[in-house]
PDB file of N, CA and C in Angstrom:
ATOM      1  N   UNK A   1      50.770  -4.419 -14.251  1.00  0.00           N
ATOM      2  CA  UNK A   1      50.132  -5.216 -15.406  1.00  0.00           C
ATOM      3  C   UNK A   1      49.169  -5.807 -14.981  1.00  0.00           C
ATOM      4  N   UNK A   2      48.182  -5.513 -15.793  1.00  0.00           N
ATOM      5  CA  UNK A   2      46.673  -6.050 -15.803  1.00  0.00           C
ATOM      6  C   UNK A   2      46.590  -7.715 -15.603  1.00  0.00           C
ATOM      7  N   UNK A   3      45.869  -8.325 -15.156  1.00  0.00           N
ATOM      8  CA  UNK A   3      45.704  -9.815 -15.658  1.00  0.00           C
ATOM      9  C   UNK A   3      44.577  -9.860 -16.534  1.00  0.00           C
ATOM     10  N   UNK A   4      43.789  -9.091 -16.584  1.00  0.00           N
ATOM     11  CA  UNK A   4      42.423  -9.120 -17.630  1.00  0.00           C
ATOM     12  C   UNK A   4      42.306  -8.403 -18.397  1.00  0.00           C
ATOM     13  N   UNK A   5      42.330  -9.101 -19.618  1.00  0.00           N
ATOM     14  CA  UNK A   5      41.748  -7.966 -20.734  1.00  0.00           C
ATOM     15  C   UNK A   5      40.840  -8.391 -21.330  1.00  0.00           C
ATOM     16  N   UNK A   6      40.022  -7.179 -21.878  1.00  0.00           N
ATOM     17  CA  UNK A   6      38.915  -7.816 -23.113  1.00  0.00           C
ATOM     18  C   UNK A   6      39.486  -7.426 -24.355  1.00  0.00           C
ATOM     19  N   UNK A   7      38.744  -8.849 -25.158  1.00  0.00           N
ATOM     20  CA  UNK A   7      39.275  -8.727 -26.401  1.00  0.00           C
ATOM     21  C   UNK A   7      38.268  -9.051 -27.236  1.00  0.00           C
ATOM     22  N   UNK A   8      38.592  -8.842 -28.530  1.00  0.00           N
ATOM     23  CA  UNK A   8      37.391  -8.539 -29.523  1.00  0.00           C
ATOM     24  C   UNK A   8      37.468  -9.357 -30.455  1.00  0.00           C
ATOM     25  N   UNK A   9      36.756 -10.017 -31.165  1.00  0.00           N
ATOM     26  CA  UNK A   9      36.955 -10.784 -32.297  1.00  0.00           C
ATOM     27  C   UNK A   9      35.799 -11.231 -32.949  1.00  0.00           C
ATOM     28  N   UNK A  10      35.460 -11.845 -33.965  1.00  0.00           N
ATOM     29  CA  UNK A  10      34.228 -12.165 -34.791  1.00  0.00           C
ATOM     30  C   UNK A  10      34.032 -13.629 -34.772  1.00  0.00           C
ATOM     31  N   UNK A  11      32.512 -13.471 -34.122  1.00  0.00           N
ATOM     32  CA  UNK A  11      31.962 -15.164 -34.600  1.00  0.00           C
ATOM     33  C   UNK A  11      31.774 -15.761 -35.649  1.00  0.00           C
ATOM     34  N   UNK A  12      32.647 -17.081 -35.530  1.00  0.00           N
ATOM     35  CA  UNK A  12      32.791 -18.140 -36.793  1.00  0.00           C
ATOM     36  C   UNK A  12      31.590 -18.487 -37.262  1.00  0.00           C
ATOM     37  N   UNK A  13      30.345 -18.356 -36.842  1.00  0.00           N
ATOM     38  CA  UNK A  13      29.164 -19.037 -37.416  1.00  0.00           C
ATOM     39  C   UNK A  13      28.269 -17.365 -37.719  1.00  0.00           C
ATOM     40  N   UNK A  14      28.096 -16.657 -36.980  1.00  0.00           N
ATOM     41  CA  UNK A  14      27.472 -15.236 -37.341  1.00  0.00           C
ATOM     42  C   UNK A  14      27.728 -14.139 -37.666  1.00  0.00           C
ATOM     43  N   UNK A  15      29.361 -14.193 -37.633  1.00  0.00           N
ATOM     44  CA  UNK A  15      29.681 -13.033 -38.157  1.00  0.00           C
ATOM     45  C   UNK A  15      29.961 -11.735 -37.089  1.00  0.00           C
ATOM     46  N   UNK A  16      29.404 -11.834 -36.040  1.00  0.00           N
ATOM     47  CA  UNK A  16      29.063 -10.664 -35.335  1.00  0.00           C
ATOM     48  C   UNK A  16      30.074 -10.339 -34.215  1.00  0.00           C
ATOM     49  N   UNK A  17      30.940  -9.296 -34.108  1.00  0.00           N
ATOM     50  CA  UNK A  17      31.787  -8.781 -33.427  1.00  0.00           C
ATOM     51  C   UNK A  17      31.401  -9.319 -31.711  1.00  0.00           C
ATOM     52  N   UNK A  18      32.318 -10.002 -31.129  1.00  0.00           N
ATOM     53  CA  UNK A  18      31.944 -10.003 -29.593  1.00  0.00           C
ATOM     54  C   UNK A  18      33.079 -10.064 -28.798  1.00  0.00           C
ATOM     55  N   UNK A  19      33.148 -10.372 -27.521  1.00  0.00           N
ATOM     56  CA  UNK A  19      34.061 -10.099 -26.654  1.00  0.00           C
ATOM     57  C   UNK A  19      34.242 -10.732 -25.630  1.00  0.00           C
ATOM     58  N   UNK A  20      35.424 -11.401 -25.308  1.00  0.00           N
ATOM     59  CA  UNK A  20      35.363 -11.862 -23.990  1.00  0.00           C
ATOM     60  C   UNK A  20      36.579 -11.673 -23.191  1.00  0.00           C
ATOM     61  N   UNK A  21      36.466 -11.854 -22.084  1.00  0.00           N
ATOM     62  CA  UNK A  21      37.661 -11.051 -20.669  1.00  0.00           C
ATOM     63  C   UNK A  21      38.261 -12.168 -20.746  1.00  0.00           C
ATOM     64  N   UNK A  22      39.791 -12.191 -20.817  1.00  0.00           N
ATOM     65  CA  UNK A  22      40.916 -12.911 -20.801  1.00  0.00           C
ATOM     66  C   UNK A  22      41.823 -12.814 -19.653  1.00  0.00           C
ATOM     67  N   UNK A  23      42.279 -13.991 -19.016  1.00  0.00           N
ATOM     68  CA  UNK A  23      43.016 -14.112 -17.838  1.00  0.00           C
ATOM     69  C   UNK A  23      44.266 -14.106 -18.676  1.00  0.00           C
ATOM     70  N   UNK A  24      45.418 -13.116 -18.463  1.00  0.00           N
ATOM     71  CA  UNK A  24      46.541 -13.063 -18.953  1.00  0.00           C
ATOM     72  C   UNK A  24      47.067 -13.458 -18.225  1.00  0.00           C
ATOM     73  N   UNK A  25      47.258 -14.133 -17.079  1.00  0.00           N
ATOM     74  CA  UNK A  25      48.407 -14.757 -16.510  1.00  0.00           C
ATOM     75  C   UNK A  25      48.942 -16.245 -16.919  1.00  0.00           C
ATOM     76  N   UNK A  26      47.740 -16.760 -17.827  1.00  0.00           N
ATOM     77  CA  UNK A  26      48.437 -17.814 -18.474  1.00  0.00           C
ATOM     78  C   UNK A  26      48.506 -17.772 -19.786  1.00  0.00           C
ATOM     79  N   UNK A  27      49.689 -18.124 -20.360  1.00  0.00           N
ATOM     80  CA  UNK A  27      50.228 -17.844 -21.420  1.00  0.00           C
ATOM     81  C   UNK A  27      49.343 -18.760 -22.720  1.00  0.00           C
ATOM     82  N   UNK A  28      49.048 -19.517 -22.343  1.00  0.00           N
ATOM     83  CA  UNK A  28      47.731 -20.624 -23.424  1.00  0.00           C
ATOM     84  C   UNK A  28      46.599 -21.041 -22.849  1.00  0.00           C
ATOM     85  N   UNK A  29      45.656 -20.853 -23.711  1.00  0.00           N
ATOM     86  CA  UNK A  29      44.490 -21.068 -22.927  1.00  0.00           C
ATOM     87  C   UNK A  29      43.515 -21.883 -24.338  1.00  0.00           C
ATOM     88  N   UNK A  30      42.843 -22.777 -23.993  1.00  0.00           N
ATOM     89  CA  UNK A  30      41.451 -23.251 -24.974  1.00  0.00           C
ATOM     90  C   UNK A  30      40.301 -23.779 -24.170  1.00  0.00           C
ATOM     91  N   UNK A  31      39.297 -23.286 -24.498  1.00  0.00           N
ATOM     92  CA  UNK A  31      37.803 -23.738 -23.828  1.00  0.00           C
ATOM     93  C   UNK A  31      36.791 -23.413 -24.706  1.00  0.00           C
ATOM     94  N   UNK A  32      35.722 -23.807 -24.566  1.00  0.00           N
ATOM     95  CA  UNK A  32      34.630 -23.461 -25.405  1.00  0.00           C
ATOM     96  C   UNK A  32      33.707 -22.710 -24.987  1.00  0.00           C
ATOM     97  N   UNK A  33      33.135 -21.708 -25.800  1.00  0.00           N
ATOM     98  CA  UNK A  33      32.111 -20.330 -25.140  1.00  0.00           C
ATOM     99  C   UNK A  33      31.041 -20.586 -26.180  1.00  0.00           C
ATOM    100  N   UNK A  34      29.951 -19.926 -25.798  1.00  0.00           N
ATOM    101  CA  UNK A  34      28.726 -19.850 -26.775  1.00  0.00           C
ATOM    102  C   UNK A  34      29.019 -18.270 -27.188  1.00  0.00           C
ATOM    103  N   UNK A  35      28.482 -18.348 -28.480  1.00  0.00           N
ATOM    104  CA  UNK A  35      28.637 -16.853 -28.854  1.00  0.00           C
ATOM    105  C   UNK A  35      27.215 -16.226 -28.221  1.00  0.00           C
ATOM    106  N   UNK A  36      27.682 -14.758 -27.645  1.00  0.00           N
ATOM    107  CA  UNK A  36      26.977 -14.297 -27.135  1.00  0.00           C
ATOM    108  C   UNK A  36      25.570 -13.492 -27.970  1.00  0.00           C
ATOM    109  N   UNK A  37      25.771 -13.614 -29.218  1.00  0.00           N
ATOM    110  CA  UNK A  37      24.817 -13.555 -30.027  1.00  0.00           C
ATOM    111  C   UNK A  37      23.934 -14.502 -30.580  1.00  0.00           C
ATOM    112  N   UNK A  38      24.346 -15.420 -31.394  1.00  0.00           N
ATOM    113  CA  UNK A  38      24.011 -16.890 -31.883  1.00  0.00           C
ATOM    114  C   UNK A  38      23.755 -17.876 -31.074  1.00  0.00           C
ATOM    115  N   UNK A  39      24.573 -17.975 -29.986  1.00  0.00           N
ATOM    116  CA  UNK A  39      24.164 -18.964 -29.081  1.00  0.00           C
ATOM    117  C   UNK A  39      25.322 -20.140 -29.587  1.00  0.00           C
ATOM    118  N   UNK A  40      25.991 -20.281 -30.901  1.00  0.00           N
ATOM    119  CA  UNK A  40      26.664 -21.229 -31.096  1.00  0.00           C
ATOM    120  C   UNK A  40      27.787 -21.681 -30.113  1.00  0.00           C
ATOM    121  N   UNK A  41      28.591 -23.044 -30.024  1.00  0.00           N
ATOM    122  CA  UNK A  41      29.349 -23.022 -29.309  1.00  0.00           C
ATOM    123  C   UNK A  41      30.995 -23.036 -29.998  1.00  0.00           C
ATOM    124  N   UNK A  42      31.947 -21.868 -29.628  1.00  0.00           N
ATOM    125  CA  UNK A  42      33.156 -21.758 -30.394  1.00  0.00           C
ATOM    126  C   UNK A  42      34.281 -22.163 -29.563  1.00  0.00           C
ATOM    127  N   UNK A  43      35.144 -22.730 -30.198  1.00  0.00           N
ATOM    128  CA  UNK A  43      36.506 -23.159 -29.407  1.00  0.00           C
ATOM    129  C   UNK A  43      37.497 -21.917 -29.570  1.00  0.00           C
ATOM    130  N   UNK A  44      37.810 -21.275 -28.225  1.00  0.00           N
ATOM    131  CA  UNK A  44      38.547 -20.304 -27.942  1.00  0.00           C
ATOM    132  C   UNK A  44      40.236 -20.573 -28.234  1.00  0.00           C
ATOM    133  N   UNK A  45      40.946 -20.643 -29.062  1.00  0.00           N
ATOM    134  CA  UNK A  45      42.123 -20.435 -28.979  1.00  0.00           C
ATOM    135  C   UNK A  45      42.831 -18.923 -28.284  1.00  0.00           C
ATOM    136  N   UNK A  46      43.303 -19.139 -27.131  1.00  0.00           N
ATOM    137  CA  UNK A  46      44.117 -17.717 -26.691  1.00  0.00           C
ATOM    138  C   UNK A  46      45.537 -17.912 -26.052  1.00  0.00           C
ATOM    139  N   UNK A  47      46.090 -17.092 -26.806  1.00  0.00           N
ATOM    140  CA  UNK A  47      47.716 -16.662 -26.754  1.00  0.00           C
ATOM    141  C   UNK A  47      48.026 -15.514 -25.958  1.00  0.00           C
ATOM    142  N   UNK A  48      48.816 -15.156 -24.961  1.00  0.00           N
ATOM    143  CA  UNK A  48      49.268 -14.010 -24.432  1.00  0.00           C
ATOM    144  C   UNK A  48      50.726 -13.878 -24.714  1.00  0.00           C
ATOM    145  N   UNK A  49      50.771 -13.181 -25.394  1.00  0.00           N
ATOM    146  CA  UNK A  49      52.452 -12.882 -25.792  1.00  0.00           C
ATOM    147  C   UNK A  49      53.232 -12.365 -24.583  1.00  0.00           C
ATOM    148  N   UNK A  50      54.901 -12.183 -24.378  1.00  0.00           N
ATOM    149  CA  UNK A  50      55.527 -11.637 -23.268  1.00  0.00           C
ATOM    150  C   UNK A  50      55.256 -10.531 -22.779  1.00  0.00           C
ATOM    151  N   UNK A  51      54.526  -9.624 -23.868  1.00  0.00           N
ATOM    152  CA  UNK A  51      54.575  -8.260 -23.506  1.00  0.00           C
ATOM    153  C   UNK A  51      52.746  -8.270 -22.269  1.00  0.00           C
ATOM    154  N   UNK A  52      52.278  -9.332 -22.358  1.00  0.00           N
ATOM    155  CA  UNK A  52      51.037  -9.465 -21.853  1.00  0.00           C
ATOM    156  C   UNK A  52      49.742  -9.332 -22.330  1.00  0.00           C
ATOM    157  N   UNK A  53      49.994  -9.100 -24.132  1.00  0.00           N
ATOM    158  CA  UNK A  53      49.035  -8.831 -24.704  1.00  0.00           C
ATOM    159  C   UNK A  53      48.082 -10.370 -25.332  1.00  0.00           C
ATOM    160  N   UNK A  54      46.832 -10.495 -25.369  1.00  0.00           N
ATOM    161  CA  UNK A  54      46.179 -11.675 -25.601  1.00  0.00           C
ATOM    162  C   UNK A  54      45.658 -11.638 -26.919  1.00  0.00           C
ATOM    163  N   UNK A  55      45.695 -12.710 -27.431  1.00  0.00           N
ATOM    164  CA  UNK A  55      45.069 -12.628 -29.092  1.00  0.00           C
ATOM    165  C   UNK A  55      44.019 -14.144 -28.818  1.00  0.00           C
ATOM    166  N   UNK A  56      42.959 -13.849 -29.497  1.00  0.00           N
ATOM    167  CA  UNK A  56      41.888 -15.258 -29.568  1.00  0.00           C
ATOM    168  C   UNK A  56      41.576 -15.360 -30.710  1.00  0.00           C
ATOM    169  N   UNK A  57      41.706 -16.728 -30.944  1.00  0.00           N
ATOM    170  CA  UNK A  57      41.183 -17.187 -32.510  1.00  0.00           C
ATOM    171  C   UNK A  57      40.024 -18.094 -31.840  1.00  0.00           C
ATOM    172  N   UNK A  58      38.998 -17.724 -33.006  1.00  0.00           N
ATOM    173  CA  UNK A  58      37.927 -18.276 -32.858  1.00  0.00           C
ATOM    174  C   UNK A  58      37.410 -19.417 -33.927  1.00  0.00           C
ATOM    175  N   UNK A  59      37.135 -20.490 -33.408  1.00  0.00           N
ATOM    176  CA  UNK A  59      36.721 -21.353 -34.409  1.00  0.00           C
ATOM    177  C   UNK A  59      35.521 -22.257 -34.197  1.00  0.00           C
ATOM    178  N   UNK A  60      34.799 -22.897 -35.022  1.00  0.00           N
ATOM    179  CA  UNK A  60      33.279 -23.690 -35.003  1.00  0.00           C
ATOM    180  C   UNK A  60      34.097 -24.880 -33.963  1.00  0.00           C
ATOM    181  N   UNK A  61      33.134 -25.256 -33.206  1.00  0.00           N
ATOM    182  CA  UNK A  61      33.409 -26.586 -32.461  1.00  0.00           C
ATOM    183  C   UNK A  61      33.412 -27.829 -33.027  1.00  0.00           C
ATOM    184  N   UNK A  62      32.625 -27.574 -34.174  1.00  0.00           N
ATOM    185  CA  UNK A  62      32.621 -29.031 -34.714  1.00  0.00           C
ATOM    186  C   UNK A  62      33.637 -29.357 -36.068  1.00  0.00           C
ATOM    187  N   UNK A  63      34.589 -28.115 -35.987  1.00  0.00           N
ATOM    188  CA  UNK A  63      35.591 -28.218 -36.942  1.00  0.00           C
ATOM    189  C   UNK A  63      36.941 -29.048 -36.403  1.00  0.00           C
TER     190      UNK A  63
END
């Protein structure tokens, strides 16, 4: 099982498709990361399911 996966999602500010590298050894994670395109801060909520597949939900930091 790979402990890191690249996950693509859309920036909640500019709508561009970007990706992050997720550490799949943690089932739940939350952190702030700047968009690679518009540099706006996003809160990333990351969930890793039982099969090790991650999902990323991005929302504006000020929400």
